[in-house]
Structure formats: structure tokens, C-alpha cells
Amino acid sequence: MIKFTTDAIDYNEITESVRSHAAGAVVLFLGTVREFTGGVQTSALVYDAYPVMAQQELQHLETDVREKWPVIDVAIVHRTGALKLGDIAVAVAVSSEHRREAFAAGQWLIDTLKVRVPVWKKELYANGETEWVHSSGQTVATSTADESDLSGAES
């Protein structure tokens, strides 16, 4: 299961997709929308990606992780669109025979995903400011939020 989605991420489904009788370990990482970033209150996030290139890069990550560790299965799901506090933005699950390999592979996947995959997030702050950030953490642009930014993120 390697994909982008606009739907809520079901971490049970992702976990089950990598479970196997051959695996003694399953590691799941969930990246969630937190309330504070660098001391500034976040009200919501909007994720965007270059779909074809991003999907292709996720596939490359799966190939690369299988070459580096003896993983049994891998799942990577990244959400795009408007997300509110607590929503899951990204999930990475890895199964392997032993926990050491599962933890190492999972950490490598999320760390490398943030550098290589063309995903950007728009941070919508409670003070009305916004900031576009590449998944690596590099700020791309800042501005003042308008009402259209918030429409999809409110519950």
C-alpha cells in the first residue's frame, strides 16, 4: 500500500496490510497535525503534492528500503488537502522478521520521505498568518490567511 489520499488515514488498515506470519515485528509511524510549531499556535494544515512525481518517489522509497533491510512488507500513505488538529498526515508501516530492522527501516523511510518526496504543507496559524513549508522543513513562502484557506480544515 503505497499511495496519496485525500481521505482520513486508517492506521489499523495500514498496520494490517503489512502484518504477516513471517514477521516478528511491525513498526508503525504516524505523523499528526500538532497544535504548536515553534511556539506558534497552528489552527490547521493544508498538504499539497506534485502527484505523479510524488507517487513515483514513494515507489522508489519502497524499492530502496527493501534493498537496505530485510523487510517483509511496507506501507506508506500520505494525505493531501486540508487537515485539522490531530489528523494523521502520513503513515509508514514496516514489517520484518526482527524489531531492529523494522525500526531502522521505518525511521529511514519517514526521514527520507521528508527530504525526497515533493510534498508541501501550508501551515495556518491562529494569528492569521500562513506559511508554505516543504516537507524537509524549509519555508517556501509566508502570508496572511484568507477565509478560503480555512474552509476545508474546519470541522
N, C-alpha and C. Protein backbone atom coordinates (compact mmCIF):
# COMPACT_ATOMS: atom_id res chain seq x y z
N MET A 1 0.86 -1.17 0.00
CA MET A 1 0.00 0.00 0.00
C MET A 1 0.90 1.23 0.00
N ILE A 2 1.07 1.81 -1.16
CA ILE A 2 1.90 2.99 -1.34
C ILE A 2 1.02 4.01 -2.07
N LYS A 3 0.59 5.08 -1.36
CA LYS A 3 -0.35 5.98 -2.03
C LYS A 3 -0.47 7.34 -1.34
N PHE A 4 -1.07 8.25 -2.09
CA PHE A 4 -1.54 9.54 -1.57
C PHE A 4 -3.05 9.45 -1.52
N THR A 5 -3.66 10.14 -0.57
CA THR A 5 -5.10 10.13 -0.44
C THR A 5 -5.60 11.45 0.12
N THR A 6 -6.84 11.78 -0.18
CA THR A 6 -7.48 12.93 0.45
C THR A 6 -8.36 12.47 1.61
N ASP A 7 -8.51 11.16 1.74
CA ASP A 7 -9.34 10.59 2.81
C ASP A 7 -8.54 10.47 4.11
N ALA A 8 -9.27 10.36 5.21
CA ALA A 8 -8.63 10.12 6.51
C ALA A 8 -7.83 8.82 6.42
N ILE A 9 -6.67 8.81 7.07
CA ILE A 9 -5.80 7.64 7.05
C ILE A 9 -6.23 6.66 8.15
N ASP A 10 -6.47 5.44 7.75
CA ASP A 10 -6.88 4.38 8.67
C ASP A 10 -5.64 3.59 9.08
N TYR A 11 -5.11 3.89 10.27
CA TYR A 11 -3.87 3.25 10.69
C TYR A 11 -4.04 1.77 10.99
N ASN A 12 -5.24 1.33 11.33
CA ASN A 12 -5.46 -0.10 11.51
C ASN A 12 -5.32 -0.84 10.18
N GLU A 13 -5.90 -0.27 9.13
CA GLU A 13 -5.80 -0.88 7.80
C GLU A 13 -4.34 -0.95 7.34
N ILE A 14 -3.60 0.12 7.57
CA ILE A 14 -2.20 0.17 7.17
C ILE A 14 -1.38 -0.87 7.94
N THR A 15 -1.62 -0.94 9.23
CA THR A 15 -0.91 -1.92 10.06
C THR A 15 -1.21 -3.34 9.59
N GLU A 16 -2.47 -3.63 9.37
CA GLU A 16 -2.87 -4.97 8.93
C GLU A 16 -2.31 -5.30 7.55
N SER A 17 -2.11 -4.29 6.71
CA SER A 17 -1.61 -4.55 5.36
C SER A 17 -0.16 -5.05 5.35
N VAL A 18 0.59 -4.82 6.43
CA VAL A 18 1.98 -5.28 6.47
C VAL A 18 2.19 -6.47 7.41
N ARG A 19 1.17 -6.82 8.17
CA ARG A 19 1.32 -7.96 9.09
C ARG A 19 1.45 -9.27 8.31
N SER A 20 2.22 -10.19 8.89
CA SER A 20 2.47 -11.47 8.24
C SER A 20 2.91 -12.48 9.30
N HIS A 21 2.63 -13.76 9.06
CA HIS A 21 3.11 -14.79 9.97
C HIS A 21 4.63 -14.89 9.95
N ALA A 22 5.25 -14.39 8.91
CA ALA A 22 6.72 -14.40 8.81
C ALA A 22 7.36 -13.26 9.59
N ALA A 23 6.55 -12.27 9.96
CA ALA A 23 7.08 -11.07 10.62
C ALA A 23 6.98 -11.20 12.14
N GLY A 24 8.10 -10.96 12.79
CA GLY A 24 8.11 -10.89 14.24
C GLY A 24 7.97 -9.47 14.73
N ALA A 25 8.01 -8.51 13.81
CA ALA A 25 7.93 -7.10 14.19
C ALA A 25 7.14 -6.31 13.16
N VAL A 26 6.30 -5.42 13.66
CA VAL A 26 5.61 -4.43 12.84
C VAL A 26 5.80 -3.09 13.51
N VAL A 27 6.34 -2.13 12.76
CA VAL A 27 6.54 -0.78 13.28
C VAL A 27 5.64 0.16 12.49
N LEU A 28 4.91 1.01 13.22
CA LEU A 28 4.02 1.98 12.61
C LEU A 28 4.41 3.37 13.08
N PHE A 29 4.59 4.29 12.13
CA PHE A 29 4.82 5.70 12.45
C PHE A 29 3.65 6.50 11.91
N LEU A 30 3.11 7.39 12.76
CA LEU A 30 2.05 8.29 12.35
C LEU A 30 2.52 9.72 12.53
N GLY A 31 2.48 10.51 11.48
CA GLY A 31 2.74 11.94 11.57
C GLY A 31 1.41 12.64 11.70
N THR A 32 1.20 13.38 12.78
CA THR A 32 -0.08 14.01 13.04
C THR A 32 0.04 15.53 13.09
N VAL A 33 -1.08 16.19 12.92
CA VAL A 33 -1.13 17.66 12.97
C VAL A 33 -1.09 18.08 14.44
N ARG A 34 -0.01 18.77 14.81
CA ARG A 34 0.14 19.21 16.19
C ARG A 34 -0.33 20.65 16.34
N GLU A 35 -0.60 21.05 17.59
CA GLU A 35 -1.17 22.37 17.84
C GLU A 35 -0.14 23.51 17.81
N PHE A 36 1.10 23.24 18.19
CA PHE A 36 2.10 24.30 18.22
C PHE A 36 3.31 23.92 17.39
N THR A 37 3.80 24.87 16.59
CA THR A 37 5.01 24.71 15.80
C THR A 37 5.93 25.86 16.14
N GLY A 38 7.03 25.56 16.79
CA GLY A 38 7.97 26.62 17.15
C GLY A 38 7.35 27.68 18.03
N GLY A 39 6.44 27.30 18.90
CA GLY A 39 5.80 28.24 19.81
C GLY A 39 4.63 29.00 19.21
N VAL A 40 4.31 28.79 17.93
CA VAL A 40 3.19 29.46 17.29
C VAL A 40 2.04 28.47 17.19
N GLN A 41 0.83 28.91 17.57
CA GLN A 41 -0.33 28.02 17.55
C GLN A 41 -0.81 27.78 16.12
N THR A 42 -0.96 26.51 15.78
CA THR A 42 -1.44 26.09 14.47
C THR A 42 -2.94 25.84 14.56
N SER A 43 -3.69 26.30 13.55
CA SER A 43 -5.12 26.03 13.52
C SER A 43 -5.44 24.88 12.56
N ALA A 44 -4.64 24.73 11.50
CA ALA A 44 -4.87 23.67 10.51
C ALA A 44 -3.66 23.60 9.58
N LEU A 45 -3.61 22.55 8.79
CA LEU A 45 -2.59 22.39 7.74
C LEU A 45 -3.28 22.04 6.43
N VAL A 46 -2.67 22.46 5.34
CA VAL A 46 -3.12 22.04 4.01
C VAL A 46 -1.91 21.44 3.31
N TYR A 47 -2.02 20.17 2.92
CA TYR A 47 -0.93 19.48 2.22
C TYR A 47 -1.19 19.47 0.73
N ASP A 48 -0.13 19.67 -0.04
CA ASP A 48 -0.21 19.60 -1.48
C ASP A 48 1.01 18.84 -1.98
N ALA A 49 0.88 18.22 -3.12
CA ALA A 49 1.98 17.43 -3.69
C ALA A 49 1.92 17.51 -5.19
N TYR A 50 3.04 17.23 -5.82
CA TYR A 50 3.08 17.05 -7.26
C TYR A 50 2.79 15.57 -7.47
N PRO A 51 1.53 15.19 -7.78
CA PRO A 51 1.06 13.81 -7.67
C PRO A 51 1.88 12.75 -8.40
N VAL A 52 2.15 12.94 -9.67
CA VAL A 52 2.86 11.90 -10.44
C VAL A 52 4.27 11.70 -9.88
N MET A 53 4.97 12.79 -9.69
CA MET A 53 6.34 12.70 -9.18
C MET A 53 6.37 12.18 -7.74
N ALA A 54 5.43 12.61 -6.92
CA ALA A 54 5.38 12.19 -5.52
C ALA A 54 5.09 10.69 -5.41
N GLN A 55 4.13 10.21 -6.18
CA GLN A 55 3.81 8.77 -6.16
C GLN A 55 5.00 7.95 -6.63
N GLN A 56 5.64 8.42 -7.67
CA GLN A 56 6.82 7.72 -8.20
C GLN A 56 7.93 7.67 -7.14
N GLU A 57 8.11 8.76 -6.42
CA GLU A 57 9.16 8.80 -5.39
C GLU A 57 8.82 7.88 -4.22
N LEU A 58 7.54 7.77 -3.86
CA LEU A 58 7.15 6.82 -2.82
C LEU A 58 7.50 5.39 -3.25
N GLN A 59 7.26 5.08 -4.53
CA GLN A 59 7.60 3.75 -5.05
C GLN A 59 9.11 3.51 -4.97
N HIS A 60 9.90 4.54 -5.28
CA HIS A 60 11.36 4.42 -5.18
C HIS A 60 11.78 4.18 -3.72
N LEU A 61 11.11 4.85 -2.79
CA LEU A 61 11.43 4.64 -1.38
C LEU A 61 11.19 3.18 -0.98
N GLU A 62 10.08 2.63 -1.45
CA GLU A 62 9.81 1.22 -1.14
C GLU A 62 10.91 0.32 -1.70
N THR A 63 11.30 0.55 -2.93
CA THR A 63 12.37 -0.23 -3.55
C THR A 63 13.67 -0.09 -2.75
N ASP A 64 14.01 1.15 -2.41
CA ASP A 64 15.26 1.42 -1.68
C ASP A 64 15.27 0.77 -0.30
N VAL A 65 14.16 0.84 0.41
CA VAL A 65 14.14 0.27 1.77
C VAL A 65 14.27 -1.26 1.71
N ARG A 66 13.70 -1.86 0.67
CA ARG A 66 13.82 -3.32 0.51
C ARG A 66 15.25 -3.74 0.17
N GLU A 67 16.01 -2.85 -0.47
CA GLU A 67 17.41 -3.14 -0.76
C GLU A 67 18.30 -2.98 0.48
N LYS A 68 17.90 -2.11 1.40
CA LYS A 68 18.72 -1.81 2.58
C LYS A 68 18.44 -2.74 3.76
N TRP A 69 17.19 -3.19 3.92
CA TRP A 69 16.81 -4.02 5.07
C TRP A 69 15.97 -5.20 4.60
N PRO A 70 16.01 -6.30 5.36
CA PRO A 70 15.20 -7.47 5.00
C PRO A 70 13.75 -7.32 5.48
N VAL A 71 13.06 -6.34 4.90
CA VAL A 71 11.67 -6.12 5.29
C VAL A 71 10.76 -7.12 4.58
N ILE A 72 9.66 -7.42 5.23
CA ILE A 72 8.68 -8.33 4.65
C ILE A 72 7.65 -7.53 3.85
N ASP A 73 7.17 -6.44 4.46
CA ASP A 73 6.22 -5.60 3.73
C ASP A 73 6.35 -4.16 4.18
N VAL A 74 5.84 -3.26 3.34
CA VAL A 74 5.96 -1.82 3.55
C VAL A 74 4.65 -1.16 3.14
N ALA A 75 4.22 -0.16 3.92
CA ALA A 75 3.08 0.68 3.54
C ALA A 75 3.45 2.13 3.82
N ILE A 76 3.15 2.99 2.85
CA ILE A 76 3.36 4.42 3.01
C ILE A 76 2.11 5.11 2.47
N VAL A 77 1.46 5.88 3.33
CA VAL A 77 0.27 6.62 2.91
C VAL A 77 0.43 8.06 3.38
N HIS A 78 0.28 9.00 2.44
CA HIS A 78 0.39 10.42 2.76
C HIS A 78 -0.90 11.09 2.36
N ARG A 79 -1.40 11.93 3.23
CA ARG A 79 -2.65 12.63 2.97
C ARG A 79 -2.38 13.99 2.34
N THR A 80 -3.28 14.42 1.47
CA THR A 80 -3.23 15.77 0.92
C THR A 80 -4.57 16.44 1.20
N GLY A 81 -4.57 17.76 1.08
CA GLY A 81 -5.78 18.51 1.36
C GLY A 81 -5.73 19.13 2.75
N ALA A 82 -6.89 19.60 3.21
CA ALA A 82 -6.99 20.30 4.49
C ALA A 82 -7.10 19.30 5.64
N LEU A 83 -6.26 19.51 6.65
CA LEU A 83 -6.26 18.65 7.85
C LEU A 83 -6.41 19.52 9.09
N LYS A 84 -7.16 19.01 10.06
CA LYS A 84 -7.32 19.74 11.31
C LYS A 84 -6.43 19.13 12.39
N LEU A 85 -6.37 19.79 13.53
CA LEU A 85 -5.53 19.31 14.64
C LEU A 85 -5.85 17.85 14.96
N GLY A 86 -4.82 17.06 15.13
CA GLY A 86 -4.98 15.65 15.47
C GLY A 86 -5.08 14.71 14.28
N ASP A 87 -5.39 15.24 13.09
CA ASP A 87 -5.49 14.38 11.91
C ASP A 87 -4.13 13.76 11.59
N ILE A 88 -4.17 12.58 10.99
CA ILE A 88 -2.95 11.89 10.56
C ILE A 88 -2.60 12.38 9.16
N ALA A 89 -1.38 12.90 9.01
CA ALA A 89 -0.92 13.41 7.71
C ALA A 89 -0.17 12.35 6.93
N VAL A 90 0.57 11.50 7.63
CA VAL A 90 1.37 10.48 6.97
C VAL A 90 1.47 9.25 7.88
N ALA A 91 1.48 8.09 7.25
CA ALA A 91 1.66 6.84 7.98
C ALA A 91 2.67 5.97 7.24
N VAL A 92 3.59 5.40 8.00
CA VAL A 92 4.58 4.47 7.46
C VAL A 92 4.53 3.22 8.33
N ALA A 93 4.36 2.07 7.70
CA ALA A 93 4.37 0.80 8.43
C ALA A 93 5.36 -0.15 7.75
N VAL A 94 6.10 -0.86 8.58
CA VAL A 94 7.10 -1.80 8.09
C VAL A 94 7.01 -3.07 8.91
N SER A 95 7.10 -4.20 8.23
CA SER A 95 7.20 -5.47 8.94
C SER A 95 8.50 -6.16 8.55
N SER A 96 9.07 -6.85 9.52
CA SER A 96 10.28 -7.61 9.27
C SER A 96 10.35 -8.76 10.27
N GLU A 97 11.33 -9.60 10.07
CA GLU A 97 11.49 -10.74 10.96
C GLU A 97 11.84 -10.30 12.39
N HIS A 98 12.65 -9.22 12.49
CA HIS A 98 13.12 -8.75 13.80
C HIS A 98 12.88 -7.25 13.97
N ARG A 99 12.74 -6.81 15.22
CA ARG A 99 12.40 -5.42 15.50
C ARG A 99 13.48 -4.42 15.09
N ARG A 100 14.74 -4.78 15.23
CA ARG A 100 15.82 -3.85 14.90
C ARG A 100 15.72 -3.37 13.46
N GLU A 101 15.49 -4.32 12.54
CA GLU A 101 15.36 -3.97 11.13
C GLU A 101 14.09 -3.16 10.87
N ALA A 102 13.00 -3.53 11.55
CA ALA A 102 11.74 -2.81 11.35
C ALA A 102 11.85 -1.36 11.81
N PHE A 103 12.46 -1.15 12.98
CA PHE A 103 12.63 0.23 13.47
C PHE A 103 13.56 1.03 12.56
N ALA A 104 14.67 0.44 12.16
CA ALA A 104 15.63 1.15 11.30
C ALA A 104 15.00 1.49 9.95
N ALA A 105 14.29 0.54 9.36
CA ALA A 105 13.66 0.77 8.07
C ALA A 105 12.57 1.83 8.18
N GLY A 106 11.76 1.77 9.21
CA GLY A 106 10.70 2.75 9.40
C GLY A 106 11.24 4.15 9.59
N GLN A 107 12.28 4.28 10.41
CA GLN A 107 12.86 5.61 10.62
C GLN A 107 13.48 6.14 9.33
N TRP A 108 14.19 5.29 8.62
CA TRP A 108 14.80 5.72 7.36
C TRP A 108 13.71 6.17 6.38
N LEU A 109 12.62 5.42 6.30
CA LEU A 109 11.54 5.78 5.37
C LEU A 109 10.97 7.16 5.66
N ILE A 110 10.59 7.44 6.90
CA ILE A 110 9.97 8.73 7.19
C ILE A 110 10.98 9.86 7.03
N ASP A 111 12.21 9.65 7.47
CA ASP A 111 13.24 10.69 7.34
C ASP A 111 13.53 10.98 5.87
N THR A 112 13.62 9.95 5.06
CA THR A 112 13.95 10.11 3.64
C THR A 112 12.76 10.67 2.87
N LEU A 113 11.56 10.24 3.22
CA LEU A 113 10.34 10.77 2.60
C LEU A 113 10.30 12.29 2.73
N LYS A 114 10.62 12.79 3.91
CA LYS A 114 10.55 14.24 4.16
C LYS A 114 11.55 15.02 3.30
N VAL A 115 12.61 14.38 2.87
CA VAL A 115 13.62 15.05 2.04
C VAL A 115 13.34 14.88 0.55
N ARG A 116 12.94 13.68 0.14
CA ARG A 116 12.86 13.37 -1.29
C ARG A 116 11.50 13.55 -1.95
N VAL A 117 10.43 13.43 -1.21
CA VAL A 117 9.10 13.44 -1.84
C VAL A 117 8.58 14.88 -1.95
N PRO A 118 8.14 15.29 -3.15
CA PRO A 118 7.67 16.66 -3.35
C PRO A 118 6.29 16.91 -2.74
N VAL A 119 6.32 17.18 -1.43
CA VAL A 119 5.12 17.48 -0.66
C VAL A 119 5.35 18.80 0.06
N TRP A 120 4.34 19.65 0.05
CA TRP A 120 4.42 20.92 0.75
C TRP A 120 3.23 21.03 1.68
N LYS A 121 3.43 21.71 2.81
CA LYS A 121 2.30 21.95 3.69
C LYS A 121 2.16 23.45 3.93
N LYS A 122 0.91 23.87 3.97
CA LYS A 122 0.60 25.25 4.29
C LYS A 122 0.15 25.25 5.74
N GLU A 123 0.94 25.88 6.58
CA GLU A 123 0.60 25.99 8.00
C GLU A 123 -0.32 27.19 8.17
N LEU A 124 -1.48 26.97 8.72
CA LEU A 124 -2.43 28.03 9.01
C LEU A 124 -2.36 28.29 10.51
N TYR A 125 -1.89 29.47 10.89
CA TYR A 125 -1.68 29.79 12.29
C TYR A 125 -2.88 30.52 12.87
N ALA A 126 -3.08 30.39 14.17
CA ALA A 126 -4.20 31.01 14.87
C ALA A 126 -4.14 32.54 14.77
N ASN A 127 -2.96 33.11 14.57
CA ASN A 127 -2.82 34.57 14.47
C ASN A 127 -3.15 35.10 13.07
N GLY A 128 -3.58 34.22 12.15
CA GLY A 128 -3.97 34.64 10.82
C GLY A 128 -2.87 34.55 9.77
N GLU A 129 -1.66 34.28 10.19
CA GLU A 129 -0.57 34.15 9.22
C GLU A 129 -0.54 32.74 8.66
N THR A 130 0.06 32.60 7.48
CA THR A 130 0.25 31.30 6.86
C THR A 130 1.69 31.16 6.42
N GLU A 131 2.10 29.92 6.25
CA GLU A 131 3.47 29.65 5.82
C GLU A 131 3.48 28.36 5.02
N TRP A 132 3.99 28.42 3.79
CA TRP A 132 4.19 27.21 2.99
C TRP A 132 5.55 26.64 3.35
N VAL A 133 5.57 25.35 3.67
CA VAL A 133 6.80 24.69 4.10
C VAL A 133 6.97 23.40 3.30
N HIS A 134 8.17 23.18 2.76
CA HIS A 134 8.47 21.89 2.13
C HIS A 134 8.55 20.86 3.24
N SER A 135 8.31 19.60 2.93
CA SER A 135 8.31 18.56 3.96
C SER A 135 9.66 18.43 4.67
N SER A 136 10.72 18.95 4.07
CA SER A 136 12.04 18.94 4.72
C SER A 136 12.13 19.97 5.83
N GLY A 137 11.14 20.87 5.91
CA GLY A 137 11.13 21.90 6.94
C GLY A 137 11.51 23.28 6.43
N GLN A 138 11.89 23.40 5.17
CA GLN A 138 12.30 24.67 4.59
C GLN A 138 11.07 25.52 4.26
N THR A 139 11.03 26.76 4.78
CA THR A 139 9.93 27.68 4.49
C THR A 139 10.02 28.13 3.04
N VAL A 140 8.90 28.06 2.33
CA VAL A 140 8.84 28.45 0.93
C VAL A 140 8.24 29.85 0.80
N ALA A 141 7.18 30.15 1.57
CA ALA A 141 6.52 31.46 1.50
C ALA A 141 5.69 31.70 2.74
N THR A 142 5.49 32.97 3.08
CA THR A 142 4.62 33.35 4.19
C THR A 142 3.64 34.40 3.72
N SER A 143 2.46 34.46 4.38
CA SER A 143 1.45 35.45 4.04
C SER A 143 0.42 35.50 5.14
N THR A 144 -0.62 36.30 4.92
CA THR A 144 -1.76 36.36 5.84
C THR A 144 -2.85 35.48 5.27
N ALA A 145 -3.48 34.68 6.11
CA ALA A 145 -4.52 33.75 5.67
C ALA A 145 -5.75 34.50 5.17
N ASP A 146 -6.41 33.90 4.21
CA ASP A 146 -7.74 34.41 3.84
C ASP A 146 -8.76 33.33 4.16
N GLU A 147 -10.00 33.66 4.12
CA GLU A 147 -11.07 32.74 4.55
C GLU A 147 -11.08 31.45 3.74
N SER A 148 -10.72 31.47 2.46
CA SER A 148 -10.77 30.27 1.63
C SER A 148 -9.77 29.22 2.11
N ASP A 149 -8.67 29.65 2.76
CA ASP A 149 -7.69 28.71 3.27
C ASP A 149 -8.27 27.83 4.36
N LEU A 150 -9.20 28.37 5.13
CA LEU A 150 -9.70 27.69 6.32
C LEU A 150 -10.93 26.85 6.07
N SER A 151 -11.60 27.03 4.94
CA SER A 151 -12.88 26.39 4.72
C SER A 151 -12.84 24.88 4.78
N GLY A 152 -11.81 24.24 4.25
CA GLY A 152 -11.75 22.78 4.25
C GLY A 152 -11.19 22.19 5.52
N ALA A 153 -10.63 23.00 6.41
CA ALA A 153 -9.97 22.48 7.60
C ALA A 153 -10.83 22.57 8.86
N GLU A 154 -11.93 23.27 8.79
CA GLU A 154 -12.77 23.41 9.98
C GLU A 154 -13.74 22.26 10.07
N SER A 155 -14.04 21.85 11.32
CA SER A 155 -14.99 20.75 11.47
C SER A 155 -16.36 21.22 11.85
